[in-house]
Amino acid sequence: MIIEKVKPIWVNDADYTVRYCPIYHKWRDMRNRCYNEKYQIQQPSYKDCFVCKEWWTFSNFKKWMEQQNWQGKQLDKDIICSGNREYGPKTCIFVAHWLNTLICENKKQRGKYPMGVHFRYGSYTASIKKNGKKKHIGSYKTEKEASDAYCKEKSKHILEIANNLTSEDTSDIKRTKNALIQYAELLLG
């Protein structure tokens, strides 16, 4: 399905000064990610993202956001539905920064090898980041063996997280848990 990116007509219908409003800042930042070409040069993964028509009006976004557990969290559009490009009430949740980067593929920094795999000292090594620290999984003869080891360890790690989510981590524990479990299963092929 091809979705044509229509240029939105933004409506700031707030009846107050929004300069210091954190909800307005989330709305503005979301719009920037989707429609600011300079931003997209720095962050090309947002190039084909768009905002649902309902959220073109600030008060609609604000009403939705006020019903969420959003404080200290980031607006996310693709944990619930991997590869999603739309920001909208059915696709978005708020998550902690560390959770927002958990399933990030980091293609720009990864290089030519699969996620979690590096070639070093004549063998393929697999490593994973857990709790902000890099953990060595092992060294392997082939790229596939290293990738399989990484995927197995990453899947296990994601399942641990999914089963221990709290309201500090996400605005929707049930949907986030289900999405993480599905992602962990995909890693195992």
Protein backbone atom coordinates (compact mmCIF):
# COMPACT_ATOMS: atom_id res chain seq x y z
CA MET A 1 0.00 0.00 0.00
CA ILE A 2 1.42 3.39 -1.01
CA ILE A 3 0.49 6.30 1.20
CA GLU A 4 0.80 9.72 -0.35
CA LYS A 5 2.42 12.20 2.02
CA VAL A 6 0.03 15.17 2.10
CA LYS A 7 1.30 18.49 3.42
CA PRO A 8 -0.68 19.06 6.62
CA ILE A 9 -2.41 22.24 7.65
CA TRP A 10 -1.42 22.57 11.30
CA VAL A 11 -3.96 24.10 13.67
CA ASN A 12 -2.69 25.43 16.99
CA ASP A 13 -6.01 26.02 18.69
CA ALA A 14 -4.60 26.36 22.22
CA ASP A 15 -6.24 29.10 24.25
CA TYR A 16 -3.01 29.76 26.13
CA THR A 17 0.64 30.56 25.40
CA VAL A 18 2.30 27.29 24.40
CA ARG A 19 5.91 28.41 24.75
CA TYR A 20 6.54 26.37 27.92
CA CYS A 21 3.90 23.67 27.38
CA PRO A 22 5.49 20.18 27.32
CA ILE A 23 2.53 18.78 25.40
CA TYR A 24 2.95 21.39 22.69
CA HIS A 25 6.68 20.57 22.53
CA LYS A 26 5.90 16.87 21.91
CA TRP A 27 3.46 17.91 19.15
CA ARG A 28 6.01 20.26 17.57
CA ASP A 29 8.81 17.67 17.77
CA MET A 30 6.61 15.00 16.15
CA ARG A 31 5.78 17.40 13.30
CA ASN A 32 9.47 18.19 12.83
CA ARG A 33 10.42 14.52 12.58
CA CYS A 34 7.87 13.97 9.84
CA TYR A 35 7.99 17.17 7.81
CA ASN A 36 11.23 19.07 8.42
CA GLU A 37 13.64 18.26 5.58
CA LYS A 38 16.69 19.53 7.50
CA TYR A 39 15.81 17.24 10.41
CA GLN A 40 15.38 14.31 8.05
CA ILE A 41 18.84 14.85 6.58
CA GLN A 42 20.21 14.28 10.10
CA GLN A 43 17.74 11.49 10.87
CA PRO A 44 16.81 9.83 7.54
CA SER A 45 14.79 7.07 9.22
CA TYR A 46 11.93 9.61 9.56
CA LYS A 47 11.82 10.45 5.84
CA ASP A 48 8.55 8.64 5.06
CA CYS A 49 6.83 9.23 8.40
CA PHE A 50 3.61 11.20 8.65
CA VAL A 51 1.05 12.42 11.19
CA CYS A 52 -2.58 11.25 11.05
CA LYS A 53 -5.05 13.98 10.06
CA GLU A 54 -6.69 13.99 13.51
CA TRP A 55 -3.41 15.14 15.06
CA TRP A 56 -2.98 18.06 12.67
CA THR A 57 -5.05 19.93 15.29
CA PHE A 58 -3.18 20.53 18.53
CA SER A 59 -6.22 20.10 20.82
CA ASN A 60 -6.81 16.56 19.48
CA PHE A 61 -3.21 15.57 20.18
CA LYS A 62 -3.36 17.27 23.59
CA LYS A 63 -6.58 15.47 24.56
CA TRP A 64 -5.02 12.09 23.66
CA MET A 65 -1.72 12.86 25.39
CA GLU A 66 -3.43 13.97 28.63
CA GLN A 67 -4.92 10.48 28.86
CA GLN A 68 -1.45 8.87 28.66
CA ASN A 69 1.25 8.21 31.23
CA TRP A 70 3.74 10.38 29.34
CA GLN A 71 5.91 12.23 31.88
CA GLY A 72 9.61 11.48 31.37
CA LYS A 73 8.93 9.34 28.31
CA GLN A 74 9.35 9.61 24.54
CA LEU A 75 6.58 9.43 21.96
CA ASP A 76 7.06 6.23 19.95
CA LYS A 77 5.29 5.10 16.77
CA ASP A 78 6.92 1.77 15.94
CA ILE A 79 7.30 -0.42 19.03
CA ILE A 80 3.67 -1.51 18.84
CA CYS A 81 3.85 -2.08 15.10
CA SER A 82 7.36 -2.61 13.75
CA GLY A 83 8.05 -0.53 10.67
CA ASN A 84 5.05 1.74 11.25
CA ARG A 85 5.40 5.20 9.66
CA GLU A 86 2.26 6.90 11.06
CA TYR A 87 1.98 8.96 14.23
CA GLY A 88 -1.55 8.57 15.54
CA PRO A 89 -3.58 7.51 18.59
CA LYS A 90 -3.77 3.85 17.51
CA THR A 91 -0.06 3.48 16.75
CA CYS A 92 1.67 5.62 19.38
CA ILE A 93 2.64 5.09 22.99
CA PHE A 94 5.09 6.72 25.37
CA VAL A 95 8.18 4.78 26.40
CA ALA A 96 11.35 5.35 28.38
CA HIS A 97 14.38 6.31 26.28
CA TRP A 98 16.18 3.02 26.93
CA LEU A 99 13.11 1.07 25.77
CA ASN A 100 12.77 3.24 22.68
CA THR A 101 16.29 2.24 21.62
CA LEU A 102 16.01 -1.46 22.60
CA ILE A 103 14.94 -2.69 19.17
CA CYS A 104 16.72 -0.01 17.14
CA GLU A 105 18.68 -1.58 14.29
CA ASN A 106 21.26 1.23 14.18
CA LYS A 107 22.03 0.57 10.49
CA LYS A 108 24.05 3.77 10.20
CA GLN A 109 26.58 2.69 12.86
CA ARG A 110 26.47 -1.07 12.36
CA GLY A 111 28.52 -1.42 9.23
CA LYS A 112 28.36 -4.37 6.83
CA TYR A 113 27.70 -7.14 9.38
CA PRO A 114 24.37 -8.17 10.93
CA MET A 115 23.23 -6.58 14.15
CA GLY A 116 25.43 -7.58 17.08
CA VAL A 117 28.20 -9.04 14.88
CA HIS A 118 31.73 -7.78 14.25
CA PHE A 119 34.74 -9.32 12.55
CA ARG A 120 37.71 -9.20 14.88
CA TYR A 121 41.02 -11.06 15.12
CA GLY A 122 40.10 -13.58 12.44
CA SER A 123 36.67 -14.55 13.79
CA TYR A 124 33.15 -13.25 13.98
CA THR A 125 32.22 -12.01 17.44
CA ALA A 126 28.75 -11.51 18.82
CA SER A 127 27.99 -9.01 21.56
CA ILE A 128 24.93 -7.41 23.07
CA LYS A 129 24.27 -4.30 25.09
CA LYS A 130 22.47 -4.97 28.39
CA ASN A 131 21.74 -2.30 30.96
CA GLY A 132 24.04 0.09 29.14
CA LYS A 133 27.01 -2.31 29.17
CA LYS A 134 28.39 -4.34 26.28
CA LYS A 135 28.40 -8.09 26.93
CA HIS A 136 30.52 -10.48 24.85
CA ILE A 137 28.48 -13.49 23.73
CA GLY A 138 31.18 -15.44 21.90
CA SER A 139 33.47 -15.83 18.90
CA TYR A 140 32.42 -17.92 15.88
CA LYS A 141 33.83 -19.25 12.63
CA THR A 142 31.02 -17.84 10.49
CA GLU A 143 28.99 -14.68 10.34
CA LYS A 144 25.77 -16.73 10.49
CA GLU A 145 26.81 -18.54 13.69
CA ALA A 146 27.61 -15.19 15.34
CA SER A 147 24.34 -13.68 14.14
CA ASP A 148 22.32 -16.67 15.38
CA ALA A 149 24.00 -16.42 18.80
CA TYR A 150 23.25 -12.69 18.95
CA CYS A 151 19.60 -13.19 17.96
CA LYS A 152 19.14 -15.91 20.60
CA GLU A 153 20.65 -13.72 23.34
CA LYS A 154 18.77 -10.59 22.21
CA SER A 155 15.49 -12.51 22.13
CA LYS A 156 16.10 -13.77 25.67
CA HIS A 157 16.93 -10.24 26.84
CA ILE A 158 13.81 -8.75 25.24
CA LEU A 159 11.60 -11.42 26.83
CA GLU A 160 13.08 -10.62 30.26
CA ILE A 161 12.25 -6.97 29.74
CA ALA A 162 8.75 -7.72 28.40
CA ASN A 163 7.92 -9.75 31.49
CA ASN A 164 9.13 -7.04 33.88
CA LEU A 165 7.69 -3.85 32.38
CA THR A 166 6.38 -1.17 34.72
CA SER A 167 4.49 2.10 34.26
CA GLU A 168 7.87 3.83 34.51
CA ASP A 169 8.86 2.10 31.26
CA THR A 170 5.77 2.56 29.10
CA SER A 171 2.36 4.19 28.96
CA ASP A 172 0.77 0.88 27.89
CA ILE A 173 2.27 -2.21 29.53
CA LYS A 174 0.01 -4.75 27.81
CA ARG A 175 0.54 -3.49 24.24
CA THR A 176 4.26 -2.98 24.79
CA LYS A 177 4.69 -6.46 26.30
CA ASN A 178 2.83 -8.10 23.40
CA ALA A 179 4.90 -6.19 20.85
CA LEU A 180 8.20 -7.08 22.55
CA ILE A 181 7.25 -10.77 22.75
CA GLN A 182 6.41 -10.73 19.05
CA TYR A 183 9.72 -9.05 18.23
CA ALA A 184 11.65 -11.59 20.36
CA GLU A 185 9.95 -14.43 18.46
CA LEU A 186 10.86 -12.84 15.10
CA LEU A 187 14.53 -12.75 16.12
CA LEU A 188 14.48 -16.54 16.47
CA GLY A 189 13.10 -16.92 12.96
